[in-house]
Amino acid sequence: MPTLSTLVACALAASALAASAASLPAPDGPFGVGVVRSEFVDASRRLDFEDPASGPRRLPMLVWYPAAGARAADDSAYLAPDVAAATLPGIGRTFAYTEEELKPVAGARVIGVRVGARPLRRAGQAFPVVIFSHGLLLYPEQNSALAARLASHGYIVISIAHPLDAADQRLLDGRVVASRFSTAHDDPRFNGAFDTLVGGAGLADRREALGVYADAIGRTRLGRSLAEWRADTLALAQAVVARREPAAVRAVLAAADRSRLAFAGMSFGGATAATSCRLVSQCRAAVNLDGQNFDPALFDAPVGRPLLLMLSDWPRYGLLKGQARDEDFSPNDLAYEPWQSTGTDPQLLRVRLAGARHMGFTDFVALLDGGKRDARVGEIEGGEALAAVNDLVLAFLDVRLRDGDGEAIERALQAHPALARHLPGRMKAWTGR
């Protein structure tokens, strides 16, 4: 497991040796990019729902935004030293990453992004807002390449941490909130019901399991996390719409179009994006990067919003225990549309990224190297993975939030052979269509 001193030393050394450090690609949009760190406080809830003395719910947050002036030629640290010292040990502990594997992450740079740059303000121009959630036990910087890319094309991206369910997080007051996720007291019916949903023989078995699943999930740690993450994202969205954002980001959000929001995320954060977006009238679209749906209300039911669902290469690598490896069925085919019409909603785009494992939807795909890279992120080349994901997400948001050219989505798909539309053929056969 990485030591704090080693990780801090790596991060500091990278500042002096940026030329030799791993880096994320420069954003290619017409705007410069700034980033600022802050914290969102929801005084109506506890930081730790099990601890009355934990104080109000505090969500570390980063905001990427269009910046004034010429595009910056300098770069910024991927993780600030104090953040690296708090967060990377938690990642090493949870995912069994070695110190050597995490060195490129500790020392990485983000090209073309300036910390605290002056926000761009232009008369008559407002920027849509994207609220982003990380993966379970991961961290808010994990998709910095995507956030910077979107900001350079005129989006304000707010990435929040979900303390206790995130990698260890340092709050602005200096406290470190460690990961704590235990299933020891879960309803014992949950695992069996979920296993049937993932790997059952047909829809009859899955429909029977869904009733048990819906009743049991509220008595599990996962169900509690689903409720907490949804509450986190909804509270932030409500604050943005009502102009109650933290003072540190008020100048950035002065240029926001608060009537055009999107929710996005990776893994559990992606699932949260889908379940939250439908509850906010200003949310125009959601992006789910390989997140399995856990919301009982979204199985055999429409999500009700445009949704981009990007999936890892499950026929090759799998993702969930017991998951079938057939190309015509993903467990998420059971979600976001009524089962009788799965695959017919024109607002729902299902895409598989060939050669990518689950963690290939994070910046790790470009930062990790060495002999374990394939086992961590898949065989897909890092630059291609970032370009494929980021191109498609940008095109999708431009169409859904800016009424852009619908052909942009098709062009993004055609530009990247690793991207393939997923057609849920097994669902069609099961329902007799």
Protein backbone atom coordinates (compact mmCIF):
# COMPACT_ATOMS: atom_id res chain seq x y z
CA MET A 1 0.00 0.00 0.00
CA PRO A 2 1.38 3.44 -0.85
CA THR A 3 2.72 5.48 2.07
CA LEU A 4 1.65 9.08 2.54
CA SER A 5 5.20 10.37 2.33
CA THR A 6 5.90 8.51 -0.89
CA LEU A 7 2.78 9.81 -2.61
CA VAL A 8 3.34 13.37 -1.53
CA ALA A 9 6.94 13.15 -2.71
CA CYS A 10 5.80 11.83 -6.08
CA ALA A 11 3.29 14.62 -6.50
CA LEU A 12 5.80 17.30 -5.57
CA ALA A 13 8.49 15.83 -7.78
CA ALA A 14 6.09 15.88 -10.70
CA SER A 15 5.82 19.64 -10.43
CA ALA A 16 9.50 19.95 -11.18
CA LEU A 17 9.66 17.13 -13.69
CA ALA A 18 6.45 17.70 -15.62
CA ALA A 19 8.10 16.84 -18.90
CA SER A 20 8.67 13.25 -17.77
CA ALA A 21 5.37 12.84 -15.89
CA ALA A 22 2.33 11.07 -17.22
CA SER A 23 -0.20 13.54 -18.54
CA LEU A 24 -3.75 13.71 -19.77
CA PRO A 25 -4.45 15.12 -23.24
CA ALA A 26 -4.99 18.83 -23.67
CA PRO A 27 -8.63 19.83 -24.16
CA ASP A 28 -9.36 20.74 -27.77
CA GLY A 29 -12.29 23.15 -27.53
CA PRO A 30 -12.29 26.88 -28.32
CA PHE A 31 -12.19 27.99 -24.68
CA GLY A 32 -9.46 28.00 -22.09
CA VAL A 33 -10.13 25.84 -19.04
CA GLY A 34 -9.99 26.70 -15.37
CA VAL A 35 -10.52 24.50 -12.33
CA VAL A 36 -11.31 25.37 -8.74
CA ARG A 37 -11.71 23.21 -5.65
CA SER A 38 -14.47 23.84 -3.14
CA GLU A 39 -16.95 22.05 -0.89
CA PHE A 40 -20.72 21.81 -0.96
CA VAL A 41 -22.46 21.64 2.41
CA ASP A 42 -25.95 20.19 2.88
CA ALA A 43 -26.83 21.29 6.40
CA SER A 44 -30.03 19.25 6.38
CA ARG A 45 -28.14 15.93 6.44
CA ARG A 46 -25.28 14.32 8.36
CA LEU A 47 -21.80 13.79 6.99
CA ASP A 48 -22.07 10.24 8.33
CA PHE A 49 -25.66 9.07 8.50
CA GLU A 50 -24.75 6.70 11.36
CA ASP A 51 -23.00 9.34 13.49
CA PRO A 52 -25.08 12.20 14.95
CA ALA A 53 -21.86 13.99 15.95
CA SER A 54 -20.34 13.99 12.44
CA GLY A 55 -21.74 17.40 11.51
CA PRO A 56 -23.42 18.45 8.26
CA ARG A 57 -22.97 16.58 5.01
CA ARG A 58 -19.85 17.95 3.27
CA LEU A 59 -19.10 17.07 -0.34
CA PRO A 60 -15.63 17.89 -1.70
CA MET A 61 -16.06 19.25 -5.20
CA LEU A 62 -14.06 20.31 -8.24
CA VAL A 63 -15.43 22.63 -10.89
CA TRP A 64 -14.01 22.84 -14.42
CA TYR A 65 -15.19 25.80 -16.49
CA PRO A 66 -14.53 27.95 -19.58
CA ALA A 67 -11.80 30.46 -18.70
CA ALA A 68 -11.15 33.97 -19.97
CA GLY A 69 -8.16 34.81 -22.12
CA ALA A 70 -6.13 32.68 -24.47
CA ARG A 71 -5.99 28.95 -23.89
CA ALA A 72 -3.40 28.29 -21.16
CA ALA A 73 -0.15 26.70 -22.26
CA ASP A 74 0.68 25.57 -18.73
CA ASP A 75 -0.68 22.57 -16.88
CA SER A 76 -1.82 21.61 -13.41
CA ALA A 77 -1.35 18.67 -11.08
CA TYR A 78 -3.85 15.88 -11.61
CA LEU A 79 -4.02 15.51 -7.83
CA ALA A 80 -2.90 18.26 -5.47
CA PRO A 81 -0.29 16.92 -3.02
CA ASP A 82 -2.60 17.02 0.01
CA VAL A 83 -5.33 15.29 -2.01
CA ALA A 84 -2.94 12.60 -3.23
CA ALA A 85 -1.77 11.99 0.32
CA ALA A 86 -5.34 11.39 1.49
CA THR A 87 -6.89 9.66 -1.51
CA LEU A 88 -4.33 7.36 -3.09
CA PRO A 89 -3.70 5.23 0.01
CA GLY A 90 -7.42 4.51 0.10
CA ILE A 91 -7.38 3.42 -3.54
CA GLY A 92 -4.37 1.20 -2.91
CA ARG A 93 -6.05 -0.34 0.13
CA THR A 94 -9.42 -0.95 -1.55
CA PHE A 95 -8.30 -2.16 -4.97
CA ALA A 96 -4.94 -3.72 -4.06
CA TYR A 97 -2.97 -1.33 -6.27
CA THR A 98 0.73 -1.27 -5.55
CA GLU A 99 2.80 1.83 -4.86
CA GLU A 100 4.52 1.37 -8.21
CA GLU A 101 1.21 1.24 -10.09
CA LEU A 102 -0.02 4.46 -8.49
CA LYS A 103 3.11 6.54 -9.04
CA PRO A 104 1.95 7.73 -12.48
CA VAL A 105 -1.35 8.82 -10.94
CA ALA A 106 0.35 10.68 -8.08
CA GLY A 107 2.60 12.58 -10.47
CA ALA A 108 0.26 13.08 -13.41
CA ARG A 109 -0.38 16.46 -15.04
CA VAL A 110 -3.46 17.85 -16.76
CA ILE A 111 -2.35 19.83 -19.81
CA GLY A 112 -4.03 23.11 -20.67
CA VAL A 113 -5.90 23.55 -17.38
CA ARG A 114 -5.18 26.46 -15.03
CA VAL A 115 -6.09 26.40 -11.34
CA GLY A 116 -8.21 29.42 -10.42
CA ALA A 117 -8.28 30.95 -13.91
CA ARG A 118 -10.65 33.87 -14.40
CA PRO A 119 -14.06 32.58 -15.55
CA LEU A 120 -15.22 33.56 -19.01
CA ARG A 121 -18.12 36.01 -19.12
CA ARG A 122 -19.75 37.03 -22.39
CA ALA A 123 -23.00 38.89 -22.84
CA GLY A 124 -25.74 36.57 -24.00
CA GLN A 125 -23.68 33.40 -23.52
CA ALA A 126 -24.43 30.88 -20.78
CA PHE A 127 -22.93 27.44 -20.23
CA PRO A 128 -24.88 24.25 -19.40
CA VAL A 129 -23.96 22.51 -16.14
CA VAL A 130 -22.92 18.85 -15.81
CA ILE A 131 -23.02 17.31 -12.32
CA PHE A 132 -20.63 14.34 -12.18
CA SER A 133 -20.34 11.50 -9.66
CA HIS A 134 -17.33 9.19 -9.31
CA GLY A 135 -17.40 5.41 -9.03
CA LEU A 136 -17.91 3.56 -5.75
CA LEU A 137 -14.81 3.99 -3.54
CA LEU A 138 -13.16 6.18 -6.18
CA TYR A 139 -12.58 9.97 -6.29
CA PRO A 140 -13.88 13.16 -7.94
CA GLU A 141 -10.78 13.76 -10.12
CA GLN A 142 -11.10 10.34 -11.77
CA ASN A 143 -12.50 11.71 -15.07
CA SER A 144 -10.52 14.95 -15.31
CA ALA A 145 -9.82 14.45 -19.03
CA LEU A 146 -13.54 14.33 -19.77
CA ALA A 147 -14.31 17.29 -17.50
CA ALA A 148 -11.59 19.48 -19.05
CA ARG A 149 -12.70 18.52 -22.55
CA LEU A 150 -16.29 19.48 -21.83
CA ALA A 151 -15.24 22.76 -20.21
CA SER A 152 -13.20 23.68 -23.28
CA HIS A 153 -16.38 23.25 -25.34
CA GLY A 154 -18.50 25.46 -23.11
CA TYR A 155 -19.75 23.34 -20.21
CA ILE A 156 -19.37 23.85 -16.47
CA VAL A 157 -18.61 20.47 -14.88
CA ILE A 158 -19.06 19.97 -11.14
CA SER A 159 -17.60 16.72 -9.83
CA ILE A 160 -18.48 15.87 -6.25
CA ALA A 161 -17.19 13.27 -3.81
CA HIS A 162 -19.57 11.11 -1.80
CA PRO A 163 -17.76 10.73 1.56
CA LEU A 164 -17.59 7.26 3.15
CA ASP A 165 -18.41 5.73 -0.24
CA ALA A 166 -15.45 7.49 -1.90
CA ALA A 167 -11.74 6.89 -1.63
CA ASP A 168 -10.45 8.66 1.49
CA GLN A 169 -11.34 12.35 1.16
CA ARG A 170 -9.71 15.40 2.75
CA LEU A 171 -12.27 18.04 3.71
CA LEU A 172 -11.51 21.75 3.62
CA ASP A 173 -11.21 21.79 7.42
CA GLY A 174 -8.36 19.25 7.19
CA ARG A 175 -10.28 16.18 8.32
CA VAL A 176 -9.85 12.99 6.31
CA VAL A 177 -13.01 10.93 5.84
CA ALA A 178 -11.96 7.34 5.22
CA SER A 179 -13.86 4.89 3.04
CA ARG A 180 -16.30 2.76 4.99
CA PHE A 181 -18.48 0.33 3.09
CA SER A 182 -19.61 -2.84 4.85
CA THR A 183 -22.33 -5.30 3.83
CA ALA A 184 -22.18 -7.24 7.11
CA HIS A 185 -25.75 -6.41 8.11
CA ASP A 186 -27.42 -6.62 4.70
CA ASP A 187 -30.75 -8.32 4.16
CA PRO A 188 -29.68 -11.88 3.19
CA ARG A 189 -32.30 -12.05 0.43
CA PHE A 190 -30.61 -9.29 -1.56
CA ASN A 191 -27.66 -11.20 -3.02
CA GLY A 192 -29.76 -14.07 -4.28
CA ALA A 193 -32.28 -11.76 -5.91
CA PHE A 194 -29.56 -9.69 -7.56
CA ASP A 195 -27.76 -12.81 -8.81
CA THR A 196 -30.98 -13.91 -10.49
CA LEU A 197 -31.42 -10.52 -12.14
CA VAL A 198 -27.87 -10.74 -13.49
CA GLY A 199 -27.81 -14.39 -14.51
CA GLY A 200 -31.33 -15.84 -14.42
CA ALA A 201 -32.61 -18.13 -17.13
CA GLY A 202 -35.31 -15.84 -18.47
CA LEU A 203 -37.69 -13.01 -17.75
CA ALA A 204 -40.05 -15.06 -15.57
CA ASP A 205 -37.27 -15.81 -13.07
CA ARG A 206 -36.10 -12.23 -13.17
CA ARG A 207 -39.57 -10.79 -12.64
CA GLU A 208 -40.05 -12.93 -9.56
CA ALA A 209 -36.61 -11.92 -8.25
CA LEU A 210 -37.32 -8.24 -8.87
CA GLY A 211 -40.04 -8.15 -6.23
CA VAL A 212 -37.70 -9.63 -3.62
CA TYR A 213 -34.90 -7.30 -4.75
CA ALA A 214 -37.07 -4.20 -4.44
CA ASP A 215 -38.11 -5.18 -0.93
CA ALA A 216 -34.59 -6.10 0.23
CA ILE A 217 -32.38 -3.34 -1.19
CA GLY A 218 -33.57 -0.77 1.33
CA ARG A 219 -32.09 -2.99 4.06
CA THR A 220 -28.61 -3.07 2.54
CA ARG A 221 -25.57 -0.79 2.58
CA LEU A 222 -25.87 -0.50 -1.20
CA GLY A 223 -29.45 0.69 -0.89
CA ARG A 224 -28.45 3.24 1.71
CA SER A 225 -25.68 4.47 -0.59
CA LEU A 226 -28.13 4.74 -3.48
CA ALA A 227 -30.34 6.99 -1.35
CA GLU A 228 -27.39 9.04 -0.06
CA TRP A 229 -25.83 9.61 -3.49
CA ARG A 230 -29.16 10.56 -5.00
CA ALA A 231 -29.74 13.01 -2.14
CA ASP A 232 -26.22 14.45 -2.66
CA THR A 233 -26.75 15.10 -6.36
CA LEU A 234 -30.29 16.42 -5.92
CA ALA A 235 -29.22 18.83 -3.17
CA LEU A 236 -26.42 20.17 -5.34
CA ALA A 237 -28.69 20.51 -8.37
CA GLN A 238 -31.28 22.35 -6.33
CA ALA A 239 -28.59 24.70 -5.01
CA VAL A 240 -27.34 25.41 -8.53
CA VAL A 241 -30.84 26.12 -9.84
CA ALA A 242 -31.64 28.35 -6.85
CA ARG A 243 -28.28 30.19 -7.03
CA ARG A 244 -27.20 28.89 -3.61
CA GLU A 245 -23.85 27.48 -4.67
CA PRO A 246 -20.76 27.88 -2.45
CA ALA A 247 -19.23 31.35 -2.51
CA ALA A 248 -15.95 29.97 -3.90
CA VAL A 249 -17.63 28.98 -7.17
CA ARG A 250 -20.15 31.81 -7.45
CA ALA A 251 -18.09 33.68 -10.04
CA VAL A 252 -17.79 30.51 -12.12
CA LEU A 253 -21.50 29.76 -11.99
CA ALA A 254 -22.41 33.35 -12.82
CA ALA A 255 -22.09 32.22 -16.44
CA ALA A 256 -24.14 29.04 -15.97
CA ASP A 257 -27.32 28.20 -17.84
CA ARG A 258 -29.22 26.89 -14.85
CA SER A 259 -32.11 25.70 -16.99
CA ARG A 260 -29.90 23.18 -18.81
CA LEU A 261 -28.41 20.55 -16.53
CA ALA A 262 -27.08 17.06 -17.09
CA PHE A 263 -26.14 14.36 -14.62
CA ALA A 264 -23.21 12.11 -15.44
CA GLY A 265 -21.02 9.60 -13.70
CA MET A 266 -19.03 6.40 -13.83
CA SER A 267 -20.02 3.05 -12.28
CA PHE A 268 -22.22 3.68 -9.22
CA GLY A 269 -22.00 7.38 -10.10
CA GLY A 270 -23.34 6.65 -13.56
CA ALA A 271 -26.26 4.71 -12.10
CA THR A 272 -26.89 7.64 -9.76
CA ALA A 273 -26.90 10.03 -12.72
CA ALA A 274 -29.73 8.11 -14.37
CA THR A 275 -31.84 7.84 -11.24
CA SER A 276 -31.33 11.51 -10.28
CA CYS A 277 -31.88 13.15 -13.66
CA ARG A 278 -35.49 12.08 -13.94
CA LEU A 279 -36.26 13.85 -10.65
CA VAL A 280 -35.00 17.30 -11.72
CA SER A 281 -37.04 19.25 -14.25
CA GLN A 282 -33.97 21.18 -15.44
CA CYS A 283 -32.09 17.97 -16.23
CA ARG A 284 -32.04 17.48 -20.00
CA ALA A 285 -29.92 14.29 -20.19
CA ALA A 286 -27.92 11.71 -18.24
CA VAL A 287 -24.65 9.90 -18.99
CA ASN A 288 -23.92 6.54 -17.38
CA LEU A 289 -20.38 5.25 -17.87
CA ASP A 290 -20.66 1.51 -17.15
CA GLY A 291 -22.85 1.79 -14.08
CA GLN A 292 -25.15 -1.12 -13.27
CA ASN A 293 -28.63 0.05 -12.37
CA PHE A 294 -29.65 -0.69 -8.78
CA ASP A 295 -32.78 1.48 -8.55
CA PRO A 296 -35.83 -0.82 -8.38
CA ALA A 297 -37.94 1.93 -9.96
CA LEU A 298 -35.87 1.80 -13.15
CA PHE A 299 -36.13 -1.93 -13.87
CA ASP A 300 -38.85 -2.65 -16.45
CA ALA A 301 -39.58 1.09 -16.60
CA PRO A 302 -38.60 4.12 -18.68
CA VAL A 303 -35.93 6.48 -17.41
CA GLY A 304 -37.88 9.38 -18.89
CA ARG A 305 -34.85 11.37 -20.03
CA PRO A 306 -32.32 11.04 -22.85
CA LEU A 307 -29.65 8.64 -21.59
CA LEU A 308 -26.23 7.65 -22.91
CA LEU A 309 -25.31 4.25 -21.48
CA MET A 310 -21.72 3.24 -22.25
CA LEU A 311 -20.77 -0.33 -21.36
CA SER A 312 -17.45 -2.07 -20.87
CA ASP A 313 -16.54 -5.12 -22.95
CA TRP A 314 -18.52 -7.63 -20.90
CA PRO A 315 -18.39 -10.48 -23.49
CA ARG A 316 -14.61 -10.44 -23.07
CA TYR A 317 -14.03 -9.36 -19.49
CA GLY A 318 -17.34 -9.62 -17.66
CA LEU A 319 -18.22 -7.20 -14.89
CA LEU A 320 -20.68 -8.76 -12.45
CA LYS A 321 -20.50 -12.15 -10.79
CA GLY A 322 -22.48 -14.68 -12.83
CA GLN A 323 -23.00 -12.28 -15.74
CA ALA A 324 -23.58 -13.96 -19.09
CA ARG A 325 -20.94 -13.24 -21.74
CA ASP A 326 -23.40 -13.12 -24.65
CA GLU A 327 -23.21 -10.02 -26.83
CA ASP A 328 -27.00 -9.75 -27.10
CA PHE A 329 -27.62 -9.32 -23.35
CA SER A 330 -26.31 -7.00 -20.66
CA PRO A 331 -27.93 -6.87 -17.20
CA ASN A 332 -28.65 -3.21 -17.87
CA ASP A 333 -31.00 -4.34 -20.64
CA LEU A 334 -33.42 -4.91 -17.76
CA ALA A 335 -33.31 -1.20 -16.91
CA TYR A 336 -34.37 2.15 -18.38
CA GLU A 337 -37.10 0.80 -20.67
CA PRO A 338 -40.20 -1.39 -20.22
CA TRP A 339 -39.16 -4.97 -20.94
CA GLN A 340 -41.77 -5.34 -23.68
CA SER A 341 -40.15 -2.53 -25.67
CA THR A 342 -36.48 -2.68 -24.67
CA GLY A 343 -34.28 -1.35 -27.43
CA THR A 344 -36.88 0.88 -29.06
CA ASP A 345 -36.55 4.18 -27.14
CA PRO A 346 -34.83 6.66 -29.51
CA GLN A 347 -33.66 8.74 -26.56
CA LEU A 348 -31.69 5.85 -25.06
CA LEU A 349 -28.29 5.09 -26.61
CA ARG A 350 -26.58 1.85 -25.52
CA VAL A 351 -22.95 1.51 -26.62
CA ARG A 352 -20.20 -1.02 -25.84
CA LEU A 353 -16.52 -0.03 -25.76
CA ALA A 354 -14.51 -2.97 -27.09
CA GLY A 355 -11.31 -3.80 -25.21
CA ALA A 356 -12.26 -1.81 -22.12
CA ARG A 357 -12.67 -3.12 -18.62
CA HIS A 358 -14.78 -1.28 -16.07
CA MET A 359 -11.90 0.94 -14.86
CA GLY A 360 -11.17 1.78 -18.49
CA PHE A 361 -13.85 4.47 -18.12
CA THR A 362 -11.59 6.49 -15.80
CA ASP A 363 -8.35 8.41 -16.36
CA PHE A 364 -6.53 5.30 -15.18
CA VAL A 365 -6.83 3.99 -18.74
CA ALA A 366 -4.24 6.59 -19.80
CA LEU A 367 -2.22 6.79 -16.58
CA LEU A 368 -1.59 3.17 -15.61
CA ASP A 369 1.11 1.12 -17.26
CA GLY A 370 3.09 -2.02 -16.51
CA GLY A 371 2.29 -5.70 -16.59
CA LYS A 372 -1.05 -5.43 -14.83
CA ARG A 373 -2.51 -2.81 -17.11
CA ASP A 374 -4.73 -5.21 -19.07
CA ALA A 375 -6.06 -6.70 -15.83
CA ARG A 376 -6.84 -3.22 -14.52
CA VAL A 377 -8.30 -1.30 -17.47
CA GLY A 378 -8.34 -3.64 -20.49
CA GLU A 379 -6.30 -3.85 -23.64
CA ILE A 380 -7.62 -0.70 -25.28
CA GLU A 381 -4.98 2.00 -25.79
CA GLY A 382 -5.36 4.85 -23.34
CA GLY A 383 -5.56 7.71 -25.81
CA GLU A 384 -8.13 5.89 -27.93
CA ALA A 385 -10.25 5.04 -24.88
CA LEU A 386 -10.33 8.65 -23.70
CA ALA A 387 -11.04 9.95 -27.21
CA ALA A 388 -13.83 7.45 -27.84
CA VAL A 389 -15.60 8.10 -24.55
CA ASN A 390 -15.08 11.85 -24.53
CA ASP A 391 -16.06 12.35 -28.19
CA LEU A 392 -19.32 10.47 -27.74
CA VAL A 393 -20.21 12.13 -24.43
CA LEU A 394 -19.55 15.58 -25.91
CA ALA A 395 -21.63 14.84 -29.01
CA PHE A 396 -24.48 13.44 -26.92
CA LEU A 397 -24.56 16.45 -24.59
CA ASP A 398 -24.35 18.90 -27.48
CA VAL A 399 -27.40 17.26 -29.06
CA ARG A 400 -29.43 16.99 -25.86
CA LEU A 401 -28.47 20.21 -24.05
CA ARG A 402 -27.79 22.51 -26.99
CA ASP A 403 -30.12 21.16 -29.66
CA GLY A 404 -27.05 20.37 -31.74
CA ASP A 405 -26.65 18.40 -34.94
CA GLY A 406 -28.00 14.91 -34.34
CA GLU A 407 -25.52 13.51 -36.83
CA ALA A 408 -22.70 14.40 -34.43
CA ILE A 409 -23.48 11.25 -32.43
CA GLU A 410 -23.22 9.10 -35.53
CA ARG A 411 -19.96 10.77 -36.52
CA ALA A 412 -18.50 10.05 -33.08
CA LEU A 413 -19.52 6.41 -33.33
CA GLN A 414 -18.05 6.06 -36.81
CA ALA A 415 -14.79 7.75 -35.83
CA HIS A 416 -14.03 5.08 -33.22
CA PRO A 417 -14.21 1.43 -34.30
CA ALA A 418 -14.08 0.37 -30.64
CA LEU A 419 -17.55 1.87 -30.15
CA ALA A 420 -20.47 -0.33 -31.14
CA ARG A 421 -24.17 0.16 -30.57
CA HIS A 422 -25.54 -2.49 -28.24
CA LEU A 423 -28.79 -4.05 -29.40
CA PRO A 424 -30.58 -5.98 -26.61
CA GLY A 425 -31.61 -8.86 -28.86
CA ARG A 426 -32.13 -11.33 -26.03
CA MET A 427 -34.83 -9.11 -24.53
CA LYS A 428 -36.58 -8.98 -27.87
CA ALA A 429 -36.54 -12.78 -28.11
CA TRP A 430 -37.72 -13.24 -24.53
CA THR A 431 -40.69 -10.93 -25.06
CA GLY A 432 -41.65 -12.52 -28.39
CA ARG A 433 -41.12 -9.42 -30.49
